[in-house]
N, C-alpha and C. Protein backbone atom coordinates (compact mmCIF):
# COMPACT_ATOMS: atom_id res chain seq x y z
N MET A 1 -11.55 -56.64 103.13
CA MET A 1 -12.27 -56.45 101.89
C MET A 1 -12.60 -54.98 101.68
N ARG A 2 -12.99 -54.36 102.70
CA ARG A 2 -13.33 -52.95 102.59
C ARG A 2 -12.13 -52.12 102.18
N VAL A 3 -10.96 -52.48 102.74
CA VAL A 3 -9.76 -51.72 102.40
C VAL A 3 -9.43 -51.88 100.94
N THR A 4 -9.54 -53.13 100.50
CA THR A 4 -9.24 -53.40 99.08
C THR A 4 -10.20 -52.67 98.16
N THR A 5 -11.48 -52.77 98.63
CA THR A 5 -12.50 -52.08 97.83
C THR A 5 -12.24 -50.59 97.78
N SER A 6 -11.87 -50.03 98.92
CA SER A 6 -11.60 -48.57 98.97
C SER A 6 -10.42 -48.21 98.09
N ARG A 7 -9.36 -49.09 98.22
CA ARG A 7 -8.19 -48.80 97.36
C ARG A 7 -8.55 -48.93 95.89
N THR A 8 -9.38 -49.91 95.63
CA THR A 8 -9.79 -50.09 94.23
C THR A 8 -10.57 -48.89 93.75
N LEU A 9 -11.48 -48.42 94.60
CA LEU A 9 -12.26 -47.24 94.22
C LEU A 9 -11.37 -46.02 94.06
N ALA A 10 -10.39 -45.89 94.97
CA ALA A 10 -9.50 -44.73 94.88
C ALA A 10 -8.67 -44.78 93.61
N ALA A 11 -8.17 -46.00 93.30
CA ALA A 11 -7.38 -46.14 92.08
C ALA A 11 -8.23 -45.83 90.85
N GLY A 12 -9.47 -46.29 90.90
CA GLY A 12 -10.37 -46.01 89.76
C GLY A 12 -10.65 -44.55 89.60
N ALA A 13 -10.84 -43.89 90.76
CA ALA A 13 -11.10 -42.44 90.70
C ALA A 13 -9.90 -41.70 90.13
N ALA A 14 -8.68 -42.16 90.60
CA ALA A 14 -7.46 -41.51 90.08
C ALA A 14 -7.33 -41.73 88.59
N ALA A 15 -7.64 -42.93 88.13
CA ALA A 15 -7.56 -43.23 86.69
C ALA A 15 -8.53 -42.39 85.90
N LEU A 16 -9.75 -42.24 86.45
CA LEU A 16 -10.73 -41.41 85.76
C LEU A 16 -10.27 -39.97 85.69
N ALA A 17 -9.64 -39.51 86.83
CA ALA A 17 -9.13 -38.14 86.82
C ALA A 17 -8.04 -37.95 85.77
N LEU A 18 -7.13 -39.00 85.71
CA LEU A 18 -6.08 -38.91 84.71
C LEU A 18 -6.64 -38.95 83.30
N LEU A 19 -7.65 -39.81 83.12
CA LEU A 19 -8.28 -39.89 81.80
C LEU A 19 -8.93 -38.56 81.45
N ALA A 20 -9.60 -37.97 82.47
CA ALA A 20 -10.23 -36.67 82.21
C ALA A 20 -9.19 -35.63 81.86
N THR A 21 -8.09 -35.67 82.66
CA THR A 21 -7.01 -34.70 82.38
C THR A 21 -6.40 -34.94 81.01
N GLY A 22 -6.18 -36.19 80.68
CA GLY A 22 -5.61 -36.53 79.37
C GLY A 22 -6.51 -36.12 78.26
N CYS A 23 -7.81 -36.32 78.44
CA CYS A 23 -8.75 -35.89 77.40
C CYS A 23 -8.71 -34.39 77.22
N THR A 24 -8.65 -33.69 78.35
CA THR A 24 -8.60 -32.23 78.28
C THR A 24 -7.33 -31.77 77.60
N THR A 25 -6.21 -32.43 78.00
CA THR A 25 -4.92 -32.01 77.40
C THR A 25 -4.88 -32.31 75.92
N SER A 26 -5.42 -33.44 75.52
CA SER A 26 -5.41 -33.79 74.10
C SER A 26 -6.37 -32.93 73.31
N ALA A 27 -7.38 -32.42 73.97
CA ALA A 27 -8.33 -31.55 73.26
C ALA A 27 -7.68 -30.23 72.90
N VAL A 28 -6.81 -29.74 73.77
CA VAL A 28 -6.17 -28.46 73.51
C VAL A 28 -5.26 -28.52 72.31
N PRO A 29 -4.37 -29.58 72.26
CA PRO A 29 -3.54 -29.65 71.06
C PRO A 29 -4.36 -29.84 69.81
N SER A 30 -5.48 -30.58 69.91
CA SER A 30 -6.30 -30.75 68.71
C SER A 30 -6.83 -29.41 68.23
N ALA A 31 -7.29 -28.60 69.21
CA ALA A 31 -7.79 -27.28 68.83
C ALA A 31 -6.67 -26.44 68.24
N ALA A 32 -5.47 -26.53 68.89
CA ALA A 32 -4.34 -25.76 68.35
C ALA A 32 -3.94 -26.27 66.98
N GLY A 33 -4.03 -27.58 66.80
CA GLY A 33 -3.68 -28.15 65.50
C GLY A 33 -4.68 -27.82 64.43
N ALA A 34 -5.90 -27.45 64.86
CA ALA A 34 -6.91 -27.10 63.85
C ALA A 34 -6.53 -25.86 63.07
N HIS A 35 -5.78 -24.97 63.68
CA HIS A 35 -5.39 -23.73 62.99
C HIS A 35 -4.51 -23.98 61.78
N PRO A 36 -3.46 -24.82 61.86
CA PRO A 36 -2.67 -25.08 60.65
C PRO A 36 -3.49 -25.71 59.55
N VAL A 37 -4.52 -26.50 59.91
CA VAL A 37 -5.33 -27.13 58.88
C VAL A 37 -6.20 -26.10 58.19
N VAL A 38 -6.86 -25.25 59.01
CA VAL A 38 -7.73 -24.23 58.43
C VAL A 38 -6.90 -23.16 57.72
N GLN A 39 -5.74 -22.79 58.37
CA GLN A 39 -4.82 -21.79 57.81
C GLN A 39 -5.53 -20.48 57.49
N ALA A 40 -6.23 -19.99 58.49
CA ALA A 40 -6.94 -18.73 58.29
C ALA A 40 -6.03 -17.58 57.89
N PRO A 41 -4.82 -17.47 58.49
CA PRO A 41 -4.00 -16.31 58.11
C PRO A 41 -3.38 -16.42 56.72
N ARG A 42 -3.28 -17.65 56.19
CA ARG A 42 -2.51 -17.84 54.97
C ARG A 42 -3.08 -17.14 53.73
N PRO A 43 -4.40 -17.03 53.58
CA PRO A 43 -4.87 -16.32 52.38
C PRO A 43 -4.28 -14.92 52.26
N ALA A 44 -4.17 -14.24 53.42
CA ALA A 44 -3.58 -12.89 53.36
C ALA A 44 -2.13 -12.96 52.92
N ALA A 45 -1.40 -13.99 53.46
CA ALA A 45 0.00 -14.15 53.10
C ALA A 45 0.12 -14.50 51.63
N GLN A 46 -0.79 -15.32 51.11
CA GLN A 46 -0.74 -15.70 49.70
C GLN A 46 -1.20 -14.55 48.81
N THR A 47 -2.16 -13.78 49.33
CA THR A 47 -2.68 -12.67 48.51
C THR A 47 -1.61 -11.61 48.30
N THR A 48 -0.83 -11.35 49.35
CA THR A 48 0.20 -10.33 49.23
C THR A 48 1.24 -10.65 48.18
N PRO A 49 1.80 -11.90 48.15
CA PRO A 49 2.74 -12.21 47.08
C PRO A 49 2.09 -12.17 45.71
N ARG A 50 0.80 -12.68 45.65
CA ARG A 50 0.16 -12.68 44.33
C ARG A 50 -0.05 -11.24 43.83
N THR A 51 -0.46 -10.39 44.77
CA THR A 51 -0.63 -8.98 44.38
C THR A 51 0.70 -8.39 43.93
N ALA A 52 1.76 -8.74 44.65
CA ALA A 52 3.07 -8.25 44.28
C ALA A 52 3.49 -8.79 42.92
N GLN A 53 3.12 -10.07 42.65
CA GLN A 53 3.49 -10.65 41.38
C GLN A 53 2.77 -9.96 40.23
N HIS A 54 1.53 -9.52 40.46
CA HIS A 54 0.78 -8.86 39.39
C HIS A 54 1.14 -7.39 39.26
N THR A 55 1.46 -6.77 40.39
CA THR A 55 1.70 -5.33 40.34
C THR A 55 3.17 -4.99 40.13
N ALA A 56 4.09 -5.83 40.73
CA ALA A 56 5.50 -5.50 40.64
C ALA A 56 6.00 -5.37 39.21
N PRO A 57 5.61 -6.26 38.26
CA PRO A 57 6.12 -6.11 36.90
C PRO A 57 5.63 -4.85 36.21
N LYS A 58 4.51 -4.25 36.71
CA LYS A 58 3.97 -3.10 36.01
C LYS A 58 4.93 -1.92 36.04
N ALA A 59 5.62 -1.76 37.18
CA ALA A 59 6.53 -0.63 37.27
C ALA A 59 7.66 -0.74 36.25
N PRO A 60 8.37 -1.92 36.16
CA PRO A 60 9.39 -2.02 35.12
C PRO A 60 8.79 -1.90 33.73
N GLY A 61 7.59 -2.51 33.52
CA GLY A 61 6.97 -2.44 32.20
C GLY A 61 6.67 -1.00 31.81
N ALA A 62 6.18 -0.22 32.75
CA ALA A 62 5.89 1.18 32.47
C ALA A 62 7.17 1.93 32.13
N ALA A 63 8.24 1.62 32.86
CA ALA A 63 9.51 2.28 32.59
C ALA A 63 10.02 1.90 31.21
N VAL A 64 9.89 0.61 30.87
CA VAL A 64 10.34 0.17 29.55
C VAL A 64 9.53 0.85 28.46
N ASN A 65 8.19 0.87 28.65
CA ASN A 65 7.34 1.53 27.65
C ASN A 65 7.68 3.01 27.52
N ALA A 66 7.93 3.64 28.67
CA ALA A 66 8.29 5.05 28.63
C ALA A 66 9.60 5.25 27.89
N GLY A 67 10.57 4.33 28.15
CA GLY A 67 11.84 4.41 27.45
C GLY A 67 11.68 4.23 25.96
N ARG A 68 10.82 3.26 25.59
CA ARG A 68 10.59 3.04 24.16
C ARG A 68 9.92 4.25 23.52
N ALA A 69 8.96 4.82 24.22
CA ALA A 69 8.28 6.01 23.69
C ALA A 69 9.26 7.16 23.52
N THR A 70 10.17 7.32 24.51
CA THR A 70 11.16 8.38 24.40
C THR A 70 12.09 8.16 23.23
N ALA A 71 12.54 6.89 23.07
CA ALA A 71 13.41 6.58 21.93
C ALA A 71 12.70 6.80 20.61
N ALA A 72 11.43 6.37 20.55
CA ALA A 72 10.67 6.56 19.31
C ALA A 72 10.48 8.04 19.01
N GLY A 73 10.22 8.82 20.08
CA GLY A 73 10.05 10.25 19.87
C GLY A 73 11.33 10.90 19.37
N ALA A 74 12.47 10.47 19.96
CA ALA A 74 13.74 11.03 19.51
C ALA A 74 14.02 10.67 18.07
N ALA A 75 13.72 9.41 17.70
CA ALA A 75 13.92 9.00 16.31
C ALA A 75 13.03 9.80 15.38
N SER A 76 11.79 10.06 15.82
CA SER A 76 10.88 10.84 14.98
C SER A 76 11.39 12.24 14.78
N VAL A 77 11.94 12.83 15.86
CA VAL A 77 12.48 14.18 15.75
C VAL A 77 13.67 14.20 14.79
N ARG A 78 14.54 13.16 14.93
CA ARG A 78 15.68 13.11 14.02
C ARG A 78 15.23 12.95 12.59
N TYR A 79 14.23 12.07 12.38
CA TYR A 79 13.73 11.85 11.02
C TYR A 79 13.10 13.12 10.48
N GLY A 80 12.32 13.79 11.33
CA GLY A 80 11.69 15.03 10.89
C GLY A 80 12.73 16.07 10.52
N ALA A 81 13.80 16.14 11.35
CA ALA A 81 14.86 17.10 11.05
C ALA A 81 15.53 16.76 9.73
N ALA A 82 15.76 15.44 9.51
CA ALA A 82 16.39 15.04 8.25
C ALA A 82 15.49 15.35 7.07
N ALA A 83 14.20 15.17 7.22
CA ALA A 83 13.27 15.47 6.14
C ALA A 83 13.27 16.94 5.82
N ARG A 84 13.33 17.76 6.90
CA ARG A 84 13.33 19.20 6.65
C ARG A 84 14.63 19.63 5.99
N THR A 85 15.74 18.91 6.35
CA THR A 85 17.03 19.31 5.83
C THR A 85 17.22 18.85 4.39
N THR A 86 16.78 17.61 4.08
CA THR A 86 17.06 17.05 2.77
C THR A 86 15.83 16.99 1.90
N GLY A 87 14.76 16.27 2.32
CA GLY A 87 13.62 16.07 1.49
C GLY A 87 12.94 17.33 1.07
N ALA A 88 12.99 18.40 2.02
CA ALA A 88 12.29 19.65 1.73
C ALA A 88 13.17 20.67 1.03
N ALA A 89 14.45 20.36 0.81
CA ALA A 89 15.34 21.32 0.15
C ALA A 89 14.92 21.50 -1.30
N PRO A 90 14.91 22.75 -1.80
CA PRO A 90 14.51 22.99 -3.20
C PRO A 90 15.52 22.41 -4.17
N ALA A 91 15.04 22.03 -5.33
CA ALA A 91 15.88 21.49 -6.40
C ALA A 91 16.18 22.58 -7.42
N ARG A 92 17.04 22.26 -8.37
CA ARG A 92 17.37 23.21 -9.43
C ARG A 92 16.15 23.45 -10.31
N CYS A 93 15.98 24.66 -10.78
CA CYS A 93 14.86 24.98 -11.66
C CYS A 93 15.05 24.29 -13.01
N ARG A 94 14.00 23.65 -13.47
CA ARG A 94 14.01 22.99 -14.77
C ARG A 94 13.39 23.89 -15.83
N THR A 95 13.78 23.63 -17.06
CA THR A 95 13.26 24.44 -18.16
C THR A 95 11.74 24.39 -18.22
N THR A 96 11.17 23.21 -17.95
CA THR A 96 9.72 23.06 -18.03
C THR A 96 8.99 23.88 -16.98
N GLY A 97 9.69 24.31 -15.93
CA GLY A 97 9.06 25.10 -14.89
C GLY A 97 9.44 26.57 -14.94
N LEU A 98 9.96 27.02 -16.07
CA LEU A 98 10.40 28.41 -16.20
C LEU A 98 9.74 29.10 -17.40
N ARG A 99 9.56 30.40 -17.27
CA ARG A 99 9.12 31.24 -18.38
C ARG A 99 10.18 32.31 -18.59
N ALA A 100 10.48 32.60 -19.85
CA ALA A 100 11.55 33.55 -20.16
C ALA A 100 11.02 34.75 -20.93
N LYS A 101 11.70 35.86 -20.78
CA LYS A 101 11.44 37.05 -21.59
C LYS A 101 12.67 37.95 -21.53
N VAL A 102 12.77 38.84 -22.51
CA VAL A 102 13.83 39.84 -22.50
C VAL A 102 13.17 41.18 -22.23
N GLY A 103 13.66 41.86 -21.21
CA GLY A 103 13.07 43.13 -20.81
C GLY A 103 13.44 44.27 -21.75
N ARG A 104 13.09 45.48 -21.35
CA ARG A 104 13.29 46.67 -22.17
C ARG A 104 14.77 46.90 -22.43
N GLN A 105 15.12 47.25 -23.67
CA GLN A 105 16.49 47.50 -24.05
C GLN A 105 16.87 48.95 -23.73
N ASP A 106 17.99 49.10 -23.08
CA ASP A 106 18.49 50.44 -22.75
C ASP A 106 19.67 50.78 -23.68
N PRO A 107 19.52 51.84 -24.48
CA PRO A 107 20.61 52.22 -25.38
C PRO A 107 21.66 53.06 -24.66
N ALA A 108 22.91 52.93 -25.09
CA ALA A 108 23.98 53.72 -24.50
C ALA A 108 25.16 53.78 -25.47
N ALA A 109 25.17 54.84 -26.35
CA ALA A 109 26.30 55.11 -27.25
C ALA A 109 26.76 53.88 -28.01
N GLY A 110 25.86 53.32 -28.79
CA GLY A 110 26.21 52.17 -29.61
C GLY A 110 26.11 50.83 -28.88
N ASN A 111 25.75 50.86 -27.63
CA ASN A 111 25.62 49.62 -26.84
C ASN A 111 24.16 49.43 -26.42
N ARG A 112 23.87 48.24 -26.13
CA ARG A 112 22.52 47.92 -25.66
C ARG A 112 22.62 47.01 -24.41
N TYR A 113 21.70 47.28 -23.48
CA TYR A 113 21.61 46.46 -22.27
C TYR A 113 20.17 46.04 -22.08
N ALA A 114 19.96 44.82 -21.63
CA ALA A 114 18.60 44.34 -21.39
C ALA A 114 18.65 43.18 -20.39
N PRO A 115 17.63 43.06 -19.56
CA PRO A 115 17.58 41.92 -18.64
C PRO A 115 16.91 40.71 -19.29
N LEU A 116 17.54 39.57 -19.18
CA LEU A 116 16.90 38.32 -19.60
C LEU A 116 16.30 37.72 -18.33
N VAL A 117 14.98 37.62 -18.29
CA VAL A 117 14.27 37.26 -17.05
C VAL A 117 13.76 35.83 -17.12
N LEU A 118 14.02 35.07 -16.07
CA LEU A 118 13.47 33.73 -15.91
C LEU A 118 12.54 33.75 -14.70
N THR A 119 11.32 33.28 -14.90
CA THR A 119 10.31 33.27 -13.82
C THR A 119 9.91 31.84 -13.51
N ASN A 120 9.83 31.55 -12.24
CA ASN A 120 9.43 30.20 -11.79
C ASN A 120 7.91 30.05 -11.93
N THR A 121 7.50 29.22 -12.86
CA THR A 121 6.06 28.99 -13.08
C THR A 121 5.58 27.69 -12.44
N SER A 122 6.44 26.99 -11.76
CA SER A 122 6.04 25.74 -11.12
C SER A 122 5.41 26.03 -9.76
N ALA A 123 4.92 24.97 -9.12
CA ALA A 123 4.29 25.11 -7.80
C ALA A 123 5.29 24.90 -6.66
N LYS A 124 6.57 24.70 -7.00
CA LYS A 124 7.58 24.43 -5.97
C LYS A 124 8.70 25.46 -6.07
N THR A 125 9.33 25.69 -4.92
CA THR A 125 10.50 26.56 -4.90
C THR A 125 11.67 25.86 -5.56
N CYS A 126 12.44 26.59 -6.34
CA CYS A 126 13.62 26.02 -7.00
C CYS A 126 14.70 27.09 -7.04
N TRP A 127 15.86 26.73 -7.57
CA TRP A 127 16.94 27.71 -7.63
C TRP A 127 17.64 27.66 -8.99
N VAL A 128 18.25 28.80 -9.36
CA VAL A 128 19.06 28.90 -10.56
C VAL A 128 20.46 29.36 -10.15
N TYR A 129 21.44 28.94 -10.92
CA TYR A 129 22.82 29.29 -10.57
C TYR A 129 23.65 29.33 -11.85
N GLY A 130 24.32 30.45 -12.07
CA GLY A 130 25.25 30.51 -13.18
C GLY A 130 24.72 31.26 -14.39
N PHE A 131 25.17 30.79 -15.56
CA PHE A 131 24.96 31.52 -16.81
C PHE A 131 23.99 30.78 -17.74
N VAL A 132 23.30 31.57 -18.56
CA VAL A 132 22.40 31.00 -19.57
C VAL A 132 23.16 30.77 -20.87
N GLY A 133 22.59 29.93 -21.72
CA GLY A 133 23.10 29.77 -23.07
C GLY A 133 22.17 30.49 -24.03
N LEU A 134 22.72 31.10 -25.11
CA LEU A 134 21.94 31.93 -26.02
C LEU A 134 22.22 31.57 -27.48
N VAL A 135 21.17 31.62 -28.29
CA VAL A 135 21.29 31.43 -29.74
C VAL A 135 20.36 32.41 -30.42
N LEU A 136 20.90 33.22 -31.35
CA LEU A 136 20.10 34.18 -32.10
C LEU A 136 19.46 33.49 -33.31
N ILE A 137 18.20 33.85 -33.59
CA ILE A 137 17.46 33.30 -34.73
C ILE A 137 16.87 34.47 -35.52
N ASP A 138 17.02 34.41 -36.85
CA ASP A 138 16.48 35.51 -37.65
C ASP A 138 15.01 35.29 -37.98
N GLY A 139 14.45 36.19 -38.78
CA GLY A 139 13.03 36.14 -39.09
C GLY A 139 12.63 34.94 -39.91
N ARG A 140 13.58 34.30 -40.61
CA ARG A 140 13.28 33.12 -41.42
C ARG A 140 13.45 31.81 -40.63
N GLY A 141 13.86 31.96 -39.38
CA GLY A 141 14.07 30.76 -38.56
C GLY A 141 15.47 30.20 -38.64
N ASP A 142 16.36 30.91 -39.34
CA ASP A 142 17.75 30.45 -39.45
C ASP A 142 18.55 30.91 -38.21
N VAL A 143 19.47 30.07 -37.84
CA VAL A 143 20.32 30.39 -36.69
C VAL A 143 21.41 31.36 -37.13
N LEU A 144 21.57 32.43 -36.38
CA LEU A 144 22.61 33.41 -36.65
C LEU A 144 23.85 33.11 -35.81
N ARG A 145 24.97 33.59 -36.29
CA ARG A 145 26.20 33.42 -35.51
C ARG A 145 26.01 34.09 -34.15
N THR A 146 26.27 33.34 -33.13
CA THR A 146 26.07 33.86 -31.76
C THR A 146 27.28 33.47 -30.91
N ARG A 147 27.85 34.46 -30.24
CA ARG A 147 28.95 34.21 -29.31
C ARG A 147 28.54 34.74 -27.93
N THR A 148 28.28 33.83 -27.03
CA THR A 148 27.89 34.24 -25.67
C THR A 148 29.14 34.27 -24.80
N ARG A 149 29.47 35.46 -24.32
CA ARG A 149 30.66 35.60 -23.48
C ARG A 149 30.24 35.84 -22.04
N ARG A 150 30.77 35.04 -21.16
CA ARG A 150 30.45 35.17 -19.73
C ARG A 150 31.31 36.26 -19.10
N GLU A 151 30.65 37.22 -18.48
CA GLU A 151 31.38 38.28 -17.80
C GLU A 151 32.04 37.74 -16.53
N ASN A 152 33.10 38.39 -16.13
CA ASN A 152 33.85 37.95 -14.96
C ASN A 152 33.16 38.46 -13.68
N VAL A 153 32.03 37.84 -13.40
CA VAL A 153 31.24 38.20 -12.21
C VAL A 153 30.96 36.90 -11.45
N THR A 154 31.12 36.94 -10.13
CA THR A 154 30.92 35.74 -9.32
C THR A 154 29.45 35.32 -9.35
N ALA A 155 29.24 34.07 -9.65
CA ALA A 155 27.87 33.53 -9.70
C ALA A 155 27.39 33.18 -8.30
N ARG A 156 26.12 33.40 -8.06
CA ARG A 156 25.50 33.06 -6.78
C ARG A 156 24.17 32.37 -7.02
N ARG A 157 23.86 31.44 -6.14
CA ARG A 157 22.58 30.73 -6.27
C ARG A 157 21.43 31.67 -5.95
N VAL A 158 20.41 31.62 -6.79
CA VAL A 158 19.21 32.46 -6.58
C VAL A 158 18.02 31.53 -6.39
N THR A 159 17.40 31.60 -5.23
CA THR A 159 16.23 30.76 -4.93
C THR A 159 14.96 31.47 -5.38
N LEU A 160 14.14 30.73 -6.11
CA LEU A 160 12.92 31.31 -6.66
C LEU A 160 11.70 30.58 -6.10
N ARG A 161 10.89 31.31 -5.37
CA ARG A 161 9.60 30.78 -4.97
C ARG A 161 8.66 30.79 -6.18
N PRO A 162 7.56 30.08 -6.13
CA PRO A 162 6.63 30.12 -7.25
C PRO A 162 6.24 31.55 -7.59
N GLY A 163 6.42 31.92 -8.86
CA GLY A 163 6.09 33.27 -9.30
C GLY A 163 7.24 34.25 -9.22
N ALA A 164 8.34 33.89 -8.55
CA ALA A 164 9.47 34.79 -8.41
C ALA A 164 10.36 34.73 -9.66
N SER A 165 11.19 35.78 -9.83
CA SER A 165 12.00 35.89 -11.04
C SER A 165 13.46 36.18 -10.70
N ALA A 166 14.31 35.80 -11.63
CA ALA A 166 15.73 36.15 -11.61
C ALA A 166 16.10 36.66 -12.99
N HIS A 167 17.18 37.42 -13.08
CA HIS A 167 17.56 37.98 -14.38
C HIS A 167 19.06 37.87 -14.60
N ALA A 168 19.42 37.89 -15.86
CA ALA A 168 20.82 37.98 -16.26
C ALA A 168 20.95 39.21 -17.16
N ARG A 169 21.91 40.08 -16.86
CA ARG A 169 22.08 41.27 -17.68
C ARG A 169 22.80 40.90 -18.97
N LEU A 170 22.18 41.29 -20.09
CA LEU A 170 22.78 41.07 -21.41
C LEU A 170 23.31 42.39 -21.95
N HIS A 171 24.43 42.30 -22.66
CA HIS A 171 25.02 43.49 -23.29
C HIS A 171 25.52 43.11 -24.67
N TRP A 172 25.29 43.98 -25.67
CA TRP A 172 25.82 43.78 -27.02
C TRP A 172 26.03 45.14 -27.68
N THR A 173 26.72 45.14 -28.76
CA THR A 173 26.97 46.38 -29.49
C THR A 173 26.22 46.37 -30.82
N VAL A 174 25.83 47.56 -31.28
CA VAL A 174 25.13 47.69 -32.56
C VAL A 174 26.01 48.38 -33.60
N VAL A 175 27.27 48.52 -33.26
CA VAL A 175 28.22 49.18 -34.16
C VAL A 175 29.08 48.11 -34.84
N PRO A 176 29.07 48.08 -36.19
CA PRO A 176 29.91 47.10 -36.90
C PRO A 176 31.38 47.28 -36.54
N SER A 177 32.08 46.16 -36.48
CA SER A 177 33.50 46.22 -36.13
C SER A 177 34.27 45.26 -37.03
N GLY A 178 35.57 45.54 -37.20
CA GLY A 178 36.42 44.66 -37.99
C GLY A 178 35.96 44.58 -39.43
N HIS A 179 35.70 43.40 -39.92
CA HIS A 179 35.33 43.17 -41.31
C HIS A 179 33.84 43.39 -41.55
N GLU A 180 33.08 43.69 -40.52
CA GLU A 180 31.63 43.81 -40.67
C GLU A 180 31.27 45.10 -41.38
N THR A 181 30.33 45.00 -42.33
CA THR A 181 29.76 46.17 -42.98
C THR A 181 28.33 46.38 -42.53
N ARG A 182 27.71 45.33 -42.14
CA ARG A 182 26.35 45.40 -41.58
C ARG A 182 26.18 44.24 -40.60
N CYS A 183 25.28 44.43 -39.70
CA CYS A 183 25.06 43.40 -38.68
C CYS A 183 23.69 42.77 -38.89
N PRO A 184 23.57 41.44 -38.78
CA PRO A 184 22.29 40.78 -39.00
C PRO A 184 21.29 41.13 -37.89
N ALA A 185 20.06 41.13 -38.25
CA ALA A 185 18.99 41.42 -37.28
C ALA A 185 18.34 40.11 -36.82
N SER A 186 18.09 40.01 -35.56
CA SER A 186 17.45 38.82 -35.01
C SER A 186 15.97 39.06 -34.81
N ALA A 187 15.21 37.98 -34.76
CA ALA A 187 13.77 38.07 -34.49
C ALA A 187 13.41 37.31 -33.21
N ARG A 188 14.20 36.30 -32.93
CA ARG A 188 13.93 35.50 -31.73
C ARG A 188 15.25 35.14 -31.04
N LEU A 189 15.11 34.73 -29.79
CA LEU A 189 16.28 34.34 -29.01
C LEU A 189 16.00 33.00 -28.33
N MET A 190 16.89 32.05 -28.59
CA MET A 190 16.80 30.75 -27.92
C MET A 190 17.58 30.84 -26.61
N ILE A 191 16.96 30.43 -25.51
CA ILE A 191 17.55 30.55 -24.17
C ILE A 191 17.64 29.16 -23.54
N ILE A 192 18.81 28.83 -23.09
CA ILE A 192 19.01 27.57 -22.36
C ILE A 192 19.30 27.94 -20.90
N PRO A 193 18.39 27.64 -19.96
CA PRO A 193 18.62 27.98 -18.55
C PRO A 193 19.88 27.31 -18.02
N PRO A 194 20.45 27.83 -16.94
CA PRO A 194 21.69 27.25 -16.38
C PRO A 194 21.57 25.76 -16.10
N ASP A 195 22.56 25.00 -16.56
CA ASP A 195 22.68 23.56 -16.32
C ASP A 195 21.56 22.74 -16.95
N GLU A 196 20.82 23.33 -17.88
CA GLU A 196 19.75 22.61 -18.55
C GLU A 196 20.13 22.33 -20.00
N VAL A 197 19.36 21.43 -20.63
CA VAL A 197 19.55 21.10 -22.04
C VAL A 197 18.39 21.63 -22.88
N ALA A 198 17.18 21.46 -22.37
CA ALA A 198 16.00 21.98 -23.08
C ALA A 198 16.05 23.50 -23.09
N HIS A 199 15.43 24.11 -24.09
CA HIS A 199 15.52 25.56 -24.26
C HIS A 199 14.14 26.20 -24.32
N LEU A 200 14.14 27.51 -24.21
CA LEU A 200 12.95 28.34 -24.36
C LEU A 200 13.23 29.33 -25.50
N GLU A 201 12.19 29.82 -26.18
CA GLU A 201 12.34 30.82 -27.24
C GLU A 201 11.44 32.01 -26.94
N VAL A 202 12.00 33.18 -27.14
CA VAL A 202 11.23 34.41 -26.89
C VAL A 202 11.48 35.38 -28.03
N PRO A 203 10.55 36.31 -28.28
CA PRO A 203 10.80 37.35 -29.29
C PRO A 203 12.00 38.20 -28.87
N PHE A 204 12.85 38.54 -29.86
CA PHE A 204 14.03 39.35 -29.56
C PHE A 204 14.45 40.07 -30.83
N THR A 205 13.98 41.29 -30.99
CA THR A 205 14.32 42.09 -32.16
C THR A 205 15.52 42.96 -31.81
N ALA A 206 16.66 42.63 -32.42
CA ALA A 206 17.88 43.36 -32.10
C ALA A 206 18.88 43.18 -33.23
N THR A 207 19.83 44.11 -33.31
CA THR A 207 20.95 44.01 -34.24
C THR A 207 22.21 43.80 -33.41
N VAL A 208 22.76 42.63 -33.52
CA VAL A 208 23.90 42.27 -32.67
C VAL A 208 25.15 42.19 -33.54
N CYS A 209 26.07 43.10 -33.30
CA CYS A 209 27.32 43.13 -34.07
C CYS A 209 28.44 42.37 -33.36
N ASP A 210 29.66 42.56 -33.91
CA ASP A 210 30.85 41.88 -33.39
C ASP A 210 30.67 40.37 -33.45
N ASP A 211 30.20 39.91 -34.64
CA ASP A 211 29.99 38.48 -34.89
C ASP A 211 29.01 37.87 -33.88
N GLY A 212 27.96 38.60 -33.56
CA GLY A 212 26.91 38.07 -32.70
C GLY A 212 27.33 37.90 -31.25
N ARG A 213 28.22 38.76 -30.81
CA ARG A 213 28.70 38.64 -29.42
C ARG A 213 27.70 39.25 -28.46
N ILE A 214 27.33 38.46 -27.44
CA ILE A 214 26.47 38.94 -26.36
C ILE A 214 27.18 38.64 -25.04
N ASP A 215 27.42 39.69 -24.26
CA ASP A 215 28.01 39.52 -22.93
C ASP A 215 26.89 39.24 -21.93
N ALA A 216 27.06 38.21 -21.11
CA ALA A 216 26.02 37.82 -20.16
C ALA A 216 26.61 37.72 -18.75
N ARG A 217 25.86 38.24 -17.82
CA ARG A 217 26.22 38.09 -16.41
C ARG A 217 25.46 36.89 -15.82
N PRO A 218 25.91 36.36 -14.69
CA PRO A 218 25.18 35.24 -14.08
C PRO A 218 23.83 35.69 -13.55
N MET A 219 22.98 34.72 -13.26
CA MET A 219 21.64 35.03 -12.76
C MET A 219 21.72 35.78 -11.44
N ALA A 220 20.84 36.78 -11.31
CA ALA A 220 20.76 37.60 -10.10
C ALA A 220 19.29 37.76 -9.72
N PRO A 221 19.00 38.07 -8.47
CA PRO A 221 17.59 38.21 -8.05
C PRO A 221 16.89 39.36 -8.75
N GLY A 222 15.57 39.21 -8.93
CA GLY A 222 14.75 40.28 -9.48
C GLY A 222 14.56 40.17 -10.98
N ALA A 223 13.72 41.05 -11.50
CA ALA A 223 13.35 41.01 -12.91
C ALA A 223 13.87 42.21 -13.69
N SER A 224 14.68 43.04 -13.06
CA SER A 224 15.18 44.24 -13.76
C SER A 224 16.65 44.45 -13.45
N LEU A 225 17.28 45.31 -14.26
CA LEU A 225 18.70 45.58 -14.07
C LEU A 225 18.95 46.40 -12.82
């Protein structure tokens, strides 16, 4: 009986030891398994991708915005250049923006010379090019025979800033010729600026012979011959 009892006690002690060992061994895996459940390291791992997701697109977005800004700036420069080239270019001078007068007459052996002056009275720069049209008017307001002959001189564009002037040299003779016995006297001169239809009128006291022939040169810079 004692032997059996001893063996029984020994077997029980061994079982308790195994149970104790098994409990200890199972406790370790439980503790190790607690880490995947808690996942302490994972917030850092999740934070890094999230940060990358929020920050990574900023670099391409900044590049895209910079590219758009550069393109917009280039377009603005091109538009500005086009505006300076076309929109800001001066237009032809209109009759309504011009003032006319005939300068001092210079006599020379039966001939007369005088500058016909056009002045820009508008607030914008404009240009004149070519020849004027002329009509003589007497003291009663009747139109006199007038022949405007264009001299063989190359025409050039003349740009007039506000207040600036251009002139055309006029020439005529005061000596009767051909069938003429006397030449009519004018009191006024009707002037049609180059490429315009509307006219200006200025005082012009002169005796123009040769059937009212006036030789005119194209517009040139300045107000004098």
